[in-house]
Amino acid sequence: MGMTVSKKVGGAVLRVRLKRRIREIFRRWSERSRLPAFDLVVHVKPQMATASFEQIQSELRRLLRKLISNSQQAS
């Protein structure tokens, strides 16, 4: 998994904090093994700077579940 967090999101401390949170959410996600083999790039938008950990977690999990369901429909 790769991430892009531009300076538009905020200062270095905020950008690194968001990256750490996203990595941790992905690492702890129990359904991770169901993902198909592919490269995943997360592009963080400036609106995420004000999001809570729970909001980030909810959105990331929703998107990842969508990837799983899309890959199952394609096969």
N, C-alpha and C. Protein backbone atom coordinates (compact mmCIF):
# COMPACT_ATOMS: atom_id res chain seq x y z
N MET A 1 0.85 -1.16 0.00
CA MET A 1 0.00 0.00 0.00
C MET A 1 0.90 1.23 0.00
N GLY A 2 0.60 2.14 -0.91
CA GLY A 2 1.32 3.40 -0.97
C GLY A 2 0.37 4.54 -0.64
N MET A 3 0.93 5.66 -0.22
CA MET A 3 0.09 6.82 0.12
C MET A 3 0.70 8.09 -0.44
N THR A 4 -0.19 8.99 -0.83
CA THR A 4 0.24 10.33 -1.20
C THR A 4 -0.53 11.30 -0.31
N VAL A 5 0.22 12.19 0.32
CA VAL A 5 -0.38 13.22 1.17
C VAL A 5 0.35 14.51 0.84
N SER A 6 -0.31 15.38 0.07
CA SER A 6 0.36 16.61 -0.37
C SER A 6 0.39 17.65 0.74
N LYS A 7 1.15 18.68 0.52
CA LYS A 7 1.26 19.77 1.49
C LYS A 7 -0.05 20.53 1.64
N LYS A 8 -0.97 20.35 0.69
CA LYS A 8 -2.28 21.00 0.79
C LYS A 8 -3.06 20.49 1.99
N VAL A 9 -2.74 19.27 2.44
CA VAL A 9 -3.44 18.67 3.58
C VAL A 9 -3.06 19.37 4.87
N GLY A 10 -1.79 19.76 5.00
CA GLY A 10 -1.34 20.44 6.21
C GLY A 10 0.16 20.29 6.38
N GLY A 11 0.61 20.62 7.57
CA GLY A 11 2.04 20.54 7.87
C GLY A 11 2.53 19.10 7.96
N ALA A 12 3.85 18.98 8.12
CA ALA A 12 4.49 17.66 8.14
C ALA A 12 3.96 16.78 9.26
N VAL A 13 3.75 17.35 10.43
CA VAL A 13 3.27 16.56 11.57
C VAL A 13 1.90 15.97 11.26
N LEU A 14 1.01 16.75 10.71
CA LEU A 14 -0.33 16.28 10.36
C LEU A 14 -0.27 15.22 9.26
N ARG A 15 0.54 15.45 8.25
CA ARG A 15 0.65 14.48 7.15
C ARG A 15 1.16 13.13 7.64
N VAL A 16 2.18 13.15 8.49
CA VAL A 16 2.72 11.90 9.03
C VAL A 16 1.71 11.22 9.94
N ARG A 17 0.97 11.99 10.73
CA ARG A 17 -0.05 11.41 11.60
C ARG A 17 -1.14 10.71 10.79
N LEU A 18 -1.57 11.33 9.71
CA LEU A 18 -2.59 10.71 8.86
C LEU A 18 -2.06 9.43 8.23
N LYS A 19 -0.83 9.44 7.77
CA LYS A 19 -0.24 8.23 7.18
C LYS A 19 -0.19 7.10 8.21
N ARG A 20 0.25 7.43 9.43
CA ARG A 20 0.32 6.41 10.48
C ARG A 20 -1.05 5.83 10.78
N ARG A 21 -2.05 6.69 10.85
CA ARG A 21 -3.41 6.22 11.13
C ARG A 21 -3.92 5.29 10.02
N ILE A 22 -3.70 5.66 8.79
CA ILE A 22 -4.16 4.84 7.67
C ILE A 22 -3.45 3.49 7.68
N ARG A 23 -2.13 3.51 7.89
CA ARG A 23 -1.39 2.24 7.94
C ARG A 23 -1.91 1.34 9.06
N GLU A 24 -2.18 1.92 10.22
CA GLU A 24 -2.65 1.15 11.37
C GLU A 24 -4.05 0.60 11.13
N ILE A 25 -4.92 1.39 10.55
CA ILE A 25 -6.27 0.91 10.23
C ILE A 25 -6.17 -0.26 9.27
N PHE A 26 -5.35 -0.15 8.25
CA PHE A 26 -5.19 -1.23 7.28
C PHE A 26 -4.58 -2.46 7.94
N ARG A 27 -3.58 -2.28 8.78
CA ARG A 27 -2.91 -3.39 9.44
C ARG A 27 -3.86 -4.18 10.34
N ARG A 28 -4.73 -3.46 11.05
CA ARG A 28 -5.65 -4.12 11.99
C ARG A 28 -6.93 -4.64 11.36
N TRP A 29 -7.17 -4.35 10.10
CA TRP A 29 -8.42 -4.73 9.45
C TRP A 29 -8.45 -6.24 9.24
N SER A 30 -9.39 -6.90 9.83
CA SER A 30 -9.44 -8.37 9.82
C SER A 30 -9.74 -8.96 8.44
N GLU A 31 -10.36 -8.20 7.56
CA GLU A 31 -10.72 -8.70 6.23
C GLU A 31 -9.62 -8.47 5.19
N ARG A 32 -8.49 -8.01 5.62
CA ARG A 32 -7.39 -7.68 4.72
C ARG A 32 -6.99 -8.86 3.84
N SER A 33 -7.03 -10.05 4.37
CA SER A 33 -6.61 -11.23 3.61
C SER A 33 -7.56 -11.54 2.45
N ARG A 34 -8.76 -11.00 2.47
CA ARG A 34 -9.73 -11.22 1.38
C ARG A 34 -9.48 -10.33 0.17
N LEU A 35 -8.62 -9.35 0.30
CA LEU A 35 -8.32 -8.45 -0.82
C LEU A 35 -7.59 -9.20 -1.92
N PRO A 36 -7.91 -8.92 -3.17
CA PRO A 36 -7.17 -9.54 -4.27
C PRO A 36 -5.75 -8.98 -4.31
N ALA A 37 -4.88 -9.65 -5.01
CA ALA A 37 -3.49 -9.20 -5.13
C ALA A 37 -3.42 -8.01 -6.10
N PHE A 38 -3.12 -6.86 -5.58
CA PHE A 38 -2.95 -5.67 -6.40
C PHE A 38 -2.23 -4.61 -5.60
N ASP A 39 -1.75 -3.59 -6.28
CA ASP A 39 -1.12 -2.45 -5.63
C ASP A 39 -2.21 -1.47 -5.24
N LEU A 40 -2.15 -0.97 -4.03
CA LEU A 40 -3.15 -0.04 -3.52
C LEU A 40 -2.48 1.29 -3.21
N VAL A 41 -3.04 2.36 -3.77
CA VAL A 41 -2.52 3.70 -3.51
C VAL A 41 -3.64 4.52 -2.88
N VAL A 42 -3.35 5.09 -1.72
CA VAL A 42 -4.31 5.93 -1.01
C VAL A 42 -3.89 7.38 -1.22
N HIS A 43 -4.77 8.16 -1.80
CA HIS A 43 -4.51 9.59 -2.01
C HIS A 43 -5.35 10.36 -1.01
N VAL A 44 -4.69 11.01 -0.08
CA VAL A 44 -5.37 11.73 1.00
C VAL A 44 -5.76 13.13 0.52
N LYS A 45 -7.04 13.43 0.65
CA LYS A 45 -7.56 14.75 0.26
C LYS A 45 -7.45 15.73 1.44
N PRO A 46 -7.40 17.03 1.17
CA PRO A 46 -7.27 18.02 2.24
C PRO A 46 -8.39 17.95 3.30
N GLN A 47 -9.59 17.50 2.90
CA GLN A 47 -10.70 17.42 3.85
C GLN A 47 -10.42 16.43 4.99
N MET A 48 -9.52 15.51 4.75
CA MET A 48 -9.21 14.49 5.75
C MET A 48 -8.48 15.08 6.96
N ALA A 49 -7.92 16.26 6.81
CA ALA A 49 -7.16 16.89 7.89
C ALA A 49 -8.03 17.11 9.13
N THR A 50 -9.32 17.32 8.94
CA THR A 50 -10.21 17.59 10.08
C THR A 50 -11.02 16.37 10.50
N ALA A 51 -10.81 15.23 9.85
CA ALA A 51 -11.59 14.02 10.15
C ALA A 51 -11.06 13.35 11.41
N SER A 52 -11.97 12.73 12.15
CA SER A 52 -11.59 11.99 13.34
C SER A 52 -11.05 10.62 12.93
N PHE A 53 -10.40 9.93 13.86
CA PHE A 53 -9.89 8.59 13.58
C PHE A 53 -11.02 7.67 13.15
N GLU A 54 -12.16 7.77 13.82
CA GLU A 54 -13.32 6.93 13.51
C GLU A 54 -13.84 7.19 12.10
N GLN A 55 -13.86 8.45 11.69
CA GLN A 55 -14.31 8.79 10.34
C GLN A 55 -13.35 8.23 9.28
N ILE A 56 -12.06 8.35 9.54
CA ILE A 56 -11.06 7.82 8.61
C ILE A 56 -11.21 6.31 8.51
N GLN A 57 -11.34 5.67 9.66
CA GLN A 57 -11.47 4.21 9.71
C GLN A 57 -12.72 3.75 8.96
N SER A 58 -13.82 4.40 9.20
CA SER A 58 -15.08 4.03 8.56
C SER A 58 -14.98 4.17 7.04
N GLU A 59 -14.44 5.26 6.57
CA GLU A 59 -14.34 5.50 5.13
C GLU A 59 -13.36 4.53 4.46
N LEU A 60 -12.21 4.32 5.09
CA LEU A 60 -11.22 3.41 4.50
C LEU A 60 -11.78 1.98 4.43
N ARG A 61 -12.42 1.54 5.49
CA ARG A 61 -13.00 0.19 5.49
C ARG A 61 -14.11 0.07 4.44
N ARG A 62 -14.90 1.10 4.28
CA ARG A 62 -15.97 1.07 3.28
C ARG A 62 -15.38 0.90 1.89
N LEU A 63 -14.34 1.66 1.60
CA LEU A 63 -13.70 1.58 0.29
C LEU A 63 -13.03 0.22 0.06
N LEU A 64 -12.39 -0.31 1.10
CA LEU A 64 -11.74 -1.61 0.96
C LEU A 64 -12.77 -2.73 0.76
N ARG A 65 -13.89 -2.66 1.48
CA ARG A 65 -14.95 -3.66 1.27
C ARG A 65 -15.48 -3.59 -0.16
N LYS A 66 -15.57 -2.39 -0.69
CA LYS A 66 -16.03 -2.21 -2.06
C LYS A 66 -15.06 -2.88 -3.04
N LEU A 67 -13.77 -2.78 -2.78
CA LEU A 67 -12.78 -3.46 -3.61
C LEU A 67 -12.97 -4.97 -3.58
N ILE A 68 -13.25 -5.50 -2.40
CA ILE A 68 -13.46 -6.95 -2.27
C ILE A 68 -14.69 -7.38 -3.06
N SER A 69 -15.78 -6.64 -2.90
CA SER A 69 -17.01 -7.04 -3.60
C SER A 69 -16.86 -6.88 -5.11
N ASN A 70 -16.17 -5.86 -5.57
CA ASN A 70 -15.93 -5.67 -7.00
C ASN A 70 -15.06 -6.78 -7.58
N SER A 71 -14.07 -7.21 -6.83
CA SER A 71 -13.19 -8.25 -7.33
C SER A 71 -13.90 -9.60 -7.37
N GLN A 72 -14.83 -9.83 -6.45
CA GLN A 72 -15.59 -11.09 -6.45
C GLN A 72 -16.59 -11.11 -7.59
N GLN A 73 -17.15 -9.98 -7.94
CA GLN A 73 -18.11 -9.91 -9.04
C GLN A 73 -17.40 -10.11 -10.38
N ALA A 74 -16.16 -9.65 -10.47
CA ALA A 74 -15.41 -9.76 -11.72
C ALA A 74 -14.95 -11.20 -12.00
N SER A 75 -14.83 -12.00 -10.95
CA SER A 75 -14.33 -13.37 -11.17
C SER A 75 -15.43 -14.38 -11.33
